[in-house]
Amino acid sequence: MRDIVQLLCTECKRKNYTTTKNKRTTTGKLEFKKHCRSCGGHKLHREGK
């Protein structure tokens, strides 16, 4: 039921994190403010493919 999704930085487009999501209850894309090593700060990360 839960799928593994990758979180991409919105500024540099790098894949930094992975997490799981329940597709039945969460239909939209996940968004978190996480630390990006290449950008050097807390940036918005969105669910990617």
PDB file of N, CA and C in Angstrom:
ATOM      1  N   MET A   1       0.820  -1.187   0.000  1.00  0.00           N
ATOM      2  CA  MET A   1       0.000   0.000   0.000  1.00  0.00           C
ATOM      3  C   MET A   1       0.869   1.257   0.000  1.00  0.00           C
ATOM      4  N   ARG A   2       1.976   1.241   0.724  1.00  0.00           N
ATOM      5  CA  ARG A   2       2.859   2.415   0.770  1.00  0.00           C
ATOM      6  C   ARG A   2       3.909   2.295  -0.325  1.00  0.00           C
ATOM      7  N   ASP A   3       4.177   3.405  -0.992  1.00  0.00           N
ATOM      8  CA  ASP A   3       5.173   3.443  -2.055  1.00  0.00           C
ATOM      9  C   ASP A   3       6.352   4.302  -1.644  1.00  0.00           C
ATOM     10  N   ILE A   4       7.539   3.937  -2.118  1.00  0.00           N
ATOM     11  CA  ILE A   4       8.739   4.723  -1.849  1.00  0.00           C
ATOM     12  C   ILE A   4       8.803   5.846  -2.877  1.00  0.00           C
ATOM     13  N   VAL A   5       8.985   7.085  -2.415  1.00  0.00           N
ATOM     14  CA  VAL A   5       9.099   8.244  -3.293  1.00  0.00           C
ATOM     15  C   VAL A   5      10.401   8.977  -2.985  1.00  0.00           C
ATOM     16  N   GLN A   6      10.944   9.659  -3.983  1.00  0.00           N
ATOM     17  CA  GLN A   6      12.167  10.427  -3.822  1.00  0.00           C
ATOM     18  C   GLN A   6      11.831  11.900  -3.709  1.00  0.00           C
ATOM     19  N   LEU A   7      12.575  12.610  -2.869  1.00  0.00           N
ATOM     20  CA  LEU A   7      12.376  14.041  -2.689  1.00  0.00           C
ATOM     21  C   LEU A   7      13.493  14.784  -3.402  1.00  0.00           C
ATOM     22  N   LEU A   8      13.114  15.703  -4.306  1.00  0.00           N
ATOM     23  CA  LEU A   8      14.075  16.475  -5.079  1.00  0.00           C
ATOM     24  C   LEU A   8      14.089  17.918  -4.603  1.00  0.00           C
ATOM     25  N   CYS A   9      15.280  18.503  -4.567  1.00  0.00           N
ATOM     26  CA  CYS A   9      15.417  19.905  -4.203  1.00  0.00           C
ATOM     27  C   CYS A   9      14.820  20.754  -5.325  1.00  0.00           C
ATOM     28  N   THR A  10      14.057  21.791  -4.979  1.00  0.00           N
ATOM     29  CA  THR A  10      13.417  22.617  -5.996  1.00  0.00           C
ATOM     30  C   THR A  10      14.409  23.565  -6.671  1.00  0.00           C
ATOM     31  N   GLU A  11      15.554  23.821  -6.042  1.00  0.00           N
ATOM     32  CA  GLU A  11      16.516  24.746  -6.632  1.00  0.00           C
ATOM     33  C   GLU A  11      17.547  24.038  -7.508  1.00  0.00           C
ATOM     34  N   CYS A  12      18.188  22.986  -6.980  1.00  0.00           N
ATOM     35  CA  CYS A  12      19.257  22.324  -7.754  1.00  0.00           C
ATOM     36  C   CYS A  12      18.782  21.036  -8.424  1.00  0.00           C
ATOM     37  N   LYS A  13      17.568  20.569  -8.136  1.00  0.00           N
ATOM     38  CA  LYS A  13      16.948  19.380  -8.743  1.00  0.00           C
ATOM     39  C   LYS A  13      17.679  18.078  -8.437  1.00  0.00           C
ATOM     40  N   ARG A  14      18.385  18.014  -7.314  1.00  0.00           N
ATOM     41  CA  ARG A  14      19.079  16.785  -6.938  1.00  0.00           C
ATOM     42  C   ARG A  14      18.209  15.946  -6.018  1.00  0.00           C
ATOM     43  N   LYS A  15      18.370  14.617  -6.121  1.00  0.00           N
ATOM     44  CA  LYS A  15      17.633  13.682  -5.279  1.00  0.00           C
ATOM     45  C   LYS A  15      18.393  13.515  -3.974  1.00  0.00           C
ATOM     46  N   ASN A  16      17.841  14.016  -2.890  1.00  0.00           N
ATOM     47  CA  ASN A  16      18.533  13.998  -1.612  1.00  0.00           C
ATOM     48  C   ASN A  16      17.930  13.033  -0.603  1.00  0.00           C
ATOM     49  N   TYR A  17      16.638  12.811  -0.632  1.00  0.00           N
ATOM     50  CA  TYR A  17      15.966  12.023   0.397  1.00  0.00           C
ATOM     51  C   TYR A  17      14.973  11.061  -0.238  1.00  0.00           C
ATOM     52  N   THR A  18      14.661   9.984   0.491  1.00  0.00           N
ATOM     53  CA  THR A  18      13.584   9.076   0.114  1.00  0.00           C
ATOM     54  C   THR A  18      12.650   8.941   1.313  1.00  0.00           C
ATOM     55  N   THR A  19      11.389   8.712   1.032  1.00  0.00           N
ATOM     56  CA  THR A  19      10.393   8.519   2.081  1.00  0.00           C
ATOM     57  C   THR A  19       9.284   7.642   1.516  1.00  0.00           C
ATOM     58  N   THR A  20       8.351   7.258   2.359  1.00  0.00           N
ATOM     59  CA  THR A  20       7.219   6.452   1.905  1.00  0.00           C
ATOM     60  C   THR A  20       5.947   7.271   1.998  1.00  0.00           C
ATOM     61  N   LYS A  21       4.996   6.908   1.179  1.00  0.00           N
ATOM     62  CA  LYS A  21       3.731   7.636   1.141  1.00  0.00           C
ATOM     63  C   LYS A  21       2.608   6.668   0.822  1.00  0.00           C
ATOM     64  N   ASN A  22       1.451   6.891   1.450  1.00  0.00           N
ATOM     65  CA  ASN A  22       0.258   6.113   1.187  1.00  0.00           C
ATOM     66  C   ASN A  22      -0.496   6.809   0.061  1.00  0.00           C
ATOM     67  N   LYS A  23      -0.539   6.184  -1.120  1.00  0.00           N
ATOM     68  CA  LYS A  23      -1.164   6.824  -2.281  1.00  0.00           C
ATOM     69  C   LYS A  23      -2.679   6.952  -2.155  1.00  0.00           C
ATOM     70  N   ARG A  24      -3.292   6.115  -1.351  1.00  0.00           N
ATOM     71  CA  ARG A  24      -4.750   6.171  -1.217  1.00  0.00           C
ATOM     72  C   ARG A  24      -5.185   7.398  -0.417  1.00  0.00           C
ATOM     73  N   THR A  25      -4.461   7.737   0.651  1.00  0.00           N
ATOM     74  CA  THR A  25      -4.869   8.860   1.492  1.00  0.00           C
ATOM     75  C   THR A  25      -4.214  10.171   1.076  1.00  0.00           C
ATOM     76  N   THR A  26      -3.006  10.117   0.519  1.00  0.00           N
ATOM     77  CA  THR A  26      -2.285  11.317   0.108  1.00  0.00           C
ATOM     78  C   THR A  26      -2.200  11.329  -1.408  1.00  0.00           C
ATOM     79  N   THR A  27      -3.092  12.066  -2.052  1.00  0.00           N
ATOM     80  CA  THR A  27      -3.126  12.048  -3.515  1.00  0.00           C
ATOM     81  C   THR A  27      -2.208  13.096  -4.130  1.00  0.00           C
ATOM     82  N   GLY A  28      -1.911  14.170  -3.408  1.00  0.00           N
ATOM     83  CA  GLY A  28      -1.044  15.222  -3.937  1.00  0.00           C
ATOM     84  C   GLY A  28       0.431  14.882  -3.754  1.00  0.00           C
ATOM     85  N   LYS A  29       1.288  15.778  -4.224  1.00  0.00           N
ATOM     86  CA  LYS A  29       2.728  15.579  -4.079  1.00  0.00           C
ATOM     87  C   LYS A  29       3.181  16.065  -2.708  1.00  0.00           C
ATOM     88  N   LEU A  30       4.108  15.323  -2.118  1.00  0.00           N
ATOM     89  CA  LEU A  30       4.633  15.689  -0.807  1.00  0.00           C
ATOM     90  C   LEU A  30       5.615  16.843  -0.935  1.00  0.00           C
ATOM     91  N   GLU A  31       5.627  17.715   0.067  1.00  0.00           N
ATOM     92  CA  GLU A  31       6.563  18.841   0.124  1.00  0.00           C
ATOM     93  C   GLU A  31       7.079  18.974   1.538  1.00  0.00           C
ATOM     94  N   PHE A  32       8.401  19.046   1.676  1.00  0.00           N
ATOM     95  CA  PHE A  32       9.027  19.231   2.976  1.00  0.00           C
ATOM     96  C   PHE A  32      10.152  20.243   2.834  1.00  0.00           C
ATOM     97  N   LYS A  33      10.430  20.967   3.919  1.00  0.00           N
ATOM     98  CA  LYS A  33      11.616  21.811   3.978  1.00  0.00           C
ATOM     99  C   LYS A  33      12.709  20.968   4.604  1.00  0.00           C
ATOM    100  N   LYS A  34      13.719  20.603   3.797  1.00  0.00           N
ATOM    101  CA  LYS A  34      14.810  19.749   4.255  1.00  0.00           C
ATOM    102  C   LYS A  34      16.135  20.418   3.907  1.00  0.00           C
ATOM    103  N   HIS A  35      17.203  19.933   4.517  1.00  0.00           N
ATOM    104  CA  HIS A  35      18.533  20.485   4.257  1.00  0.00           C
ATOM    105  C   HIS A  35      19.101  19.897   2.972  1.00  0.00           C
ATOM    106  N   CYS A  36      19.625  20.756   2.115  1.00  0.00           N
ATOM    107  CA  CYS A  36      20.256  20.332   0.864  1.00  0.00           C
ATOM    108  C   CYS A  36      21.754  20.605   0.986  1.00  0.00           C
ATOM    109  N   ARG A  37      22.565  19.550   0.829  1.00  0.00           N
ATOM    110  CA  ARG A  37      24.013  19.705   0.965  1.00  0.00           C
ATOM    111  C   ARG A  37      24.617  20.544  -0.147  1.00  0.00           C
ATOM    112  N   SER A  38      24.114  20.390  -1.358  1.00  0.00           N
ATOM    113  CA  SER A  38      24.705  21.112  -2.493  1.00  0.00           C
ATOM    114  C   SER A  38      24.323  22.589  -2.500  1.00  0.00           C
ATOM    115  N   CYS A  39      23.115  22.922  -2.047  1.00  0.00           N
ATOM    116  CA  CYS A  39      22.684  24.331  -1.964  1.00  0.00           C
ATOM    117  C   CYS A  39      23.203  25.005  -0.695  1.00  0.00           C
ATOM    118  N   GLY A  40      23.373  24.228   0.355  1.00  0.00           N
ATOM    119  CA  GLY A  40      23.885  24.764   1.608  1.00  0.00           C
ATOM    120  C   GLY A  40      22.844  25.456   2.458  1.00  0.00           C
ATOM    121  N   GLY A  41      21.708  24.836   2.651  1.00  0.00           N
ATOM    122  CA  GLY A  41      20.684  25.424   3.506  1.00  0.00           C
ATOM    123  C   GLY A  41      19.398  24.625   3.451  1.00  0.00           C
ATOM    124  N   HIS A  42      18.408  25.052   4.214  1.00  0.00           N
ATOM    125  CA  HIS A  42      17.103  24.409   4.199  1.00  0.00           C
ATOM    126  C   HIS A  42      16.302  24.922   3.017  1.00  0.00           C
ATOM    127  N   LYS A  43      15.961  24.022   2.112  1.00  0.00           N
ATOM    128  CA  LYS A  43      15.222  24.367   0.885  1.00  0.00           C
ATOM    129  C   LYS A  43      13.994  23.469   0.793  1.00  0.00           C
ATOM    130  N   LEU A  44      13.061  23.867  -0.046  1.00  0.00           N
ATOM    131  CA  LEU A  44      11.853  23.092  -0.268  1.00  0.00           C
ATOM    132  C   LEU A  44      12.177  21.877  -1.129  1.00  0.00           C
ATOM    133  N   HIS A  45      11.755  20.694  -0.686  1.00  0.00           N
ATOM    134  CA  HIS A  45      11.934  19.448  -1.438  1.00  0.00           C
ATOM    135  C   HIS A  45      10.566  18.921  -1.810  1.00  0.00           C
ATOM    136  N   ARG A  46      10.391  18.549  -3.065  1.00  0.00           N
ATOM    137  CA  ARG A  46       9.117  18.016  -3.564  1.00  0.00           C
ATOM    138  C   ARG A  46       9.290  16.581  -4.028  1.00  0.00           C
ATOM    139  N   GLU A  47       8.181  15.894  -4.069  1.00  0.00           N
ATOM    140  CA  GLU A  47       8.171  14.511  -4.537  1.00  0.00           C
ATOM    141  C   GLU A  47       8.489  14.465  -6.025  1.00  0.00           C
ATOM    142  N   GLY A  48       9.383  13.561  -6.403  1.00  0.00           N
ATOM    143  CA  GLY A  48       9.753  13.386  -7.808  1.00  0.00           C
ATOM    144  C   GLY A  48       9.404  11.993  -8.288  1.00  0.00           C
ATOM    145  N   LYS A  49       9.873  11.666  -9.464  1.00  0.00           N
ATOM    146  CA  LYS A  49       9.583  10.348 -10.041  1.00  0.00           C
ATOM    147  C   LYS A  49      10.667   9.359  -9.712  1.00  0.00           C
TER     148      LYS A  49
END
